[in-house]
């Protein structure tokens, strides 16, 4: 009886061992498939985001046209909140202050003014972002501001005297 119990135990171990290995390999296979699926989903999401970025860049490129001779350039944008106005430099060198809705001498209409941009609509109905005038750069070896004029002889103004002070 003891031999038959030992034999039954040995047989059950032998029979159940491949099932355990099969269960382990199935679990490992499922884990590997899930990991591969997660990687593929991440790659697909990355491609979607790259496509969205490319679309937005194309949209911006449409608004930002290369500067054409004769187009005004933006010298400055000033104001607060929605009450912004821009100073534009026209081709002939004159400056002009504009607000949204104004029409320029060359037929462009100012669509909108933002803190760092001016969008105009040309007569051909296309929208453009005007180029900005680069800020003047100081000459190397000089100060950014011009020097103050030297005081003229005899032009010193008297300083006000405080209470209890004398001019001596």
Protein backbone atom coordinates (compact mmCIF):
# COMPACT_ATOMS: atom_id res chain seq x y z
CA UNK A 1 0.00 0.00 0.00
CA UNK A 2 2.82 2.22 0.78
CA UNK A 3 4.36 1.53 -2.61
CA UNK A 4 1.12 2.28 -4.41
CA UNK A 5 0.71 5.60 -2.53
CA UNK A 6 4.26 6.57 -3.40
CA UNK A 7 3.69 5.54 -6.98
CA UNK A 8 0.49 7.61 -7.19
CA UNK A 9 2.27 10.61 -5.71
CA UNK A 10 5.14 10.26 -8.16
CA UNK A 11 2.75 9.93 -11.09
CA UNK A 12 0.79 13.00 -10.04
CA UNK A 13 4.00 15.01 -9.79
CA UNK A 14 5.12 13.87 -13.22
CA UNK A 15 1.73 14.60 -14.81
CA UNK A 16 1.27 18.00 -13.13
CA UNK A 17 4.82 19.23 -13.89
CA UNK A 18 4.22 19.84 -17.62
CA UNK A 19 0.95 21.57 -16.75
CA UNK A 20 2.78 23.91 -14.38
CA UNK A 21 5.38 24.63 -17.04
CA UNK A 22 2.62 25.20 -19.58
CA UNK A 23 0.83 27.59 -17.20
CA UNK A 24 4.08 29.47 -16.55
CA UNK A 25 4.91 29.76 -20.25
CA UNK A 26 1.35 30.93 -21.02
CA UNK A 27 1.53 33.60 -18.31
CA UNK A 28 4.96 34.71 -19.54
CA UNK A 29 3.66 34.81 -23.10
CA UNK A 30 0.64 36.91 -22.10
CA UNK A 31 2.87 39.28 -20.13
CA UNK A 32 5.19 39.65 -23.12
CA UNK A 33 2.23 40.30 -25.47
CA UNK A 34 0.82 42.94 -23.10
CA UNK A 35 4.22 44.68 -22.93
CA UNK A 36 4.54 44.67 -26.72
CA UNK A 37 1.00 46.05 -27.04
CA UNK A 38 1.80 48.88 -24.62
CA UNK A 39 4.92 49.76 -26.63
CA UNK A 40 2.95 49.76 -29.89
CA UNK A 41 0.23 51.96 -28.37
CA UNK A 42 2.89 54.42 -27.14
CA UNK A 43 4.46 54.54 -30.61
CA UNK A 44 1.03 55.17 -32.21
CA UNK A 45 0.34 58.00 -29.74
CA UNK A 46 3.77 59.49 -30.47
CA UNK A 47 3.01 59.46 -34.21
CA UNK A 48 -0.36 61.15 -33.58
CA UNK A 49 1.32 63.92 -31.55
CA UNK A 50 3.99 64.39 -34.23
CA UNK A 51 1.25 64.72 -36.86
CA UNK A 52 -0.53 67.34 -34.73
CA UNK A 53 2.72 69.28 -34.31
CA UNK A 54 3.37 69.18 -38.06
CA UNK A 55 -0.18 70.41 -38.71
CA UNK A 56 0.22 73.35 -36.30
CA UNK A 57 3.61 74.22 -37.82
CA UNK A 58 2.07 74.28 -41.29
CA UNK A 59 -0.72 76.51 -39.99
CA UNK A 60 1.82 78.91 -38.47
CA UNK A 61 3.86 78.88 -41.68
CA UNK A 62 0.75 79.97 -43.60
CA UNK A 63 0.37 82.97 -41.30
CA UNK A 64 4.04 83.85 -41.38
CA UNK A 65 4.84 84.85 -44.91
CA UNK A 66 8.30 86.00 -45.88
CA UNK A 67 8.67 89.76 -45.82
CA UNK A 68 7.83 91.20 -49.21
CA UNK A 69 9.27 94.49 -50.36
CA UNK A 70 6.66 97.10 -49.61
CA UNK A 71 5.11 95.34 -46.62
CA UNK A 72 5.26 97.34 -43.40
CA UNK A 73 7.22 96.04 -40.43
CA UNK A 74 6.22 96.16 -36.77
CA UNK A 75 8.31 98.59 -34.73
CA UNK A 76 6.41 98.14 -31.47
CA UNK A 77 3.19 96.95 -29.87
CA UNK A 78 1.83 98.92 -26.94
CA UNK A 79 -1.27 99.10 -24.81
CA UNK A 80 -2.97 96.95 -22.20
CA UNK A 81 -5.39 94.06 -22.42
CA UNK A 82 -7.50 94.18 -25.55
CA UNK A 83 -6.65 97.84 -26.23
CA UNK A 84 -3.40 97.20 -28.10
CA UNK A 85 -2.03 99.30 -30.91
CA UNK A 86 1.02 98.84 -33.07
CA UNK A 87 3.51 101.23 -34.57
CA UNK A 88 4.33 100.14 -38.12
CA UNK A 89 7.23 101.27 -40.27
CA UNK A 90 6.08 101.78 -43.85
CA UNK A 91 8.31 101.25 -46.88
CA UNK A 92 8.82 105.00 -47.36
CA UNK A 93 10.23 105.26 -43.80
CA UNK A 94 7.23 106.84 -42.12
CA UNK A 95 5.73 105.41 -38.94
CA UNK A 96 2.03 104.79 -38.45
CA UNK A 97 0.04 103.80 -35.34
CA UNK A 98 -2.72 101.27 -36.07
CA UNK A 99 -5.43 99.36 -34.23
CA UNK A 100 -7.35 96.24 -35.23
CA UNK A 101 -9.70 97.10 -38.10
CA UNK A 102 -7.55 99.89 -39.59
CA UNK A 103 -6.72 99.79 -43.31
CA UNK A 104 -3.16 100.62 -44.38
CA UNK A 105 -2.31 102.78 -47.40
CA UNK A 106 -1.32 99.66 -49.42
CA UNK A 107 -4.80 98.12 -48.88
CA UNK A 108 -3.92 95.72 -46.05
CA UNK A 109 -6.44 95.50 -43.22
CA UNK A 110 -5.19 94.98 -39.66
CA UNK A 111 -7.02 91.84 -38.46
CA UNK A 112 -5.59 91.58 -34.96
CA UNK A 113 -2.80 92.83 -32.73
CA UNK A 114 -1.24 90.59 -30.11
CA UNK A 115 1.56 91.20 -27.63
CA UNK A 116 4.18 90.00 -30.13
CA UNK A 117 2.42 90.04 -33.48
CA UNK A 118 0.32 91.96 -35.97
CA UNK A 119 -1.89 89.94 -38.34
CA UNK A 120 -3.04 91.66 -41.54
CA UNK A 121 -5.24 90.58 -44.43
CA UNK A 122 -3.97 91.52 -47.86
CA UNK A 123 -6.37 92.52 -50.64
CA UNK A 124 -6.03 88.96 -52.03
CA UNK A 125 -7.77 87.79 -48.81
CA UNK A 126 -4.72 85.95 -47.42
CA UNK A 127 -3.72 86.52 -43.80
CA UNK A 128 -0.11 87.33 -42.92
CA UNK A 129 1.89 88.02 -39.81
CA UNK A 130 3.99 91.15 -40.29
CA UNK A 131 7.71 90.94 -39.68
CA UNK A 132 9.17 92.87 -36.78
CA UNK A 133 11.88 95.47 -37.10
CA UNK A 134 14.98 94.18 -35.33
CA UNK A 135 16.03 96.20 -32.29
CA UNK A 136 19.11 98.33 -32.93
CA UNK A 137 22.23 96.69 -31.52
CA UNK A 138 24.89 98.81 -29.80
CA UNK A 139 28.22 99.08 -31.57
CA UNK A 140 30.81 96.95 -29.76
CA UNK A 141 32.97 99.03 -27.43
CA UNK A 142 30.31 101.70 -26.91
CA UNK A 143 27.56 102.16 -24.39
CA UNK A 144 23.97 101.48 -25.40
CA UNK A 145 22.89 105.03 -24.52
CA UNK A 146 24.44 108.19 -25.94
CA UNK A 147 26.52 110.19 -23.47
CA UNK A 148 24.87 113.05 -21.59
CA UNK A 149 25.80 116.54 -22.77
CA UNK A 150 28.44 118.35 -20.74
CA UNK A 151 27.04 121.03 -18.40
CA UNK A 152 27.38 124.58 -19.65
CA UNK A 153 29.42 127.02 -17.58
CA UNK A 154 27.28 129.15 -15.29
CA UNK A 155 24.15 127.10 -15.89
CA UNK A 156 24.09 125.34 -12.54
CA UNK A 157 20.74 125.67 -10.84
CA UNK A 158 20.69 126.60 -7.17
CA UNK A 159 19.75 123.73 -4.90
CA UNK A 160 16.79 124.33 -2.57
CA UNK A 161 17.84 124.83 0.99
CA UNK A 162 16.26 122.73 3.67
CA UNK A 163 14.83 124.09 6.93
CA UNK A 164 17.54 125.44 9.18
CA UNK A 165 20.22 125.42 6.47
CA UNK A 166 22.12 128.48 5.38
CA UNK A 167 23.82 129.25 2.10
CA UNK A 168 27.23 129.59 3.77
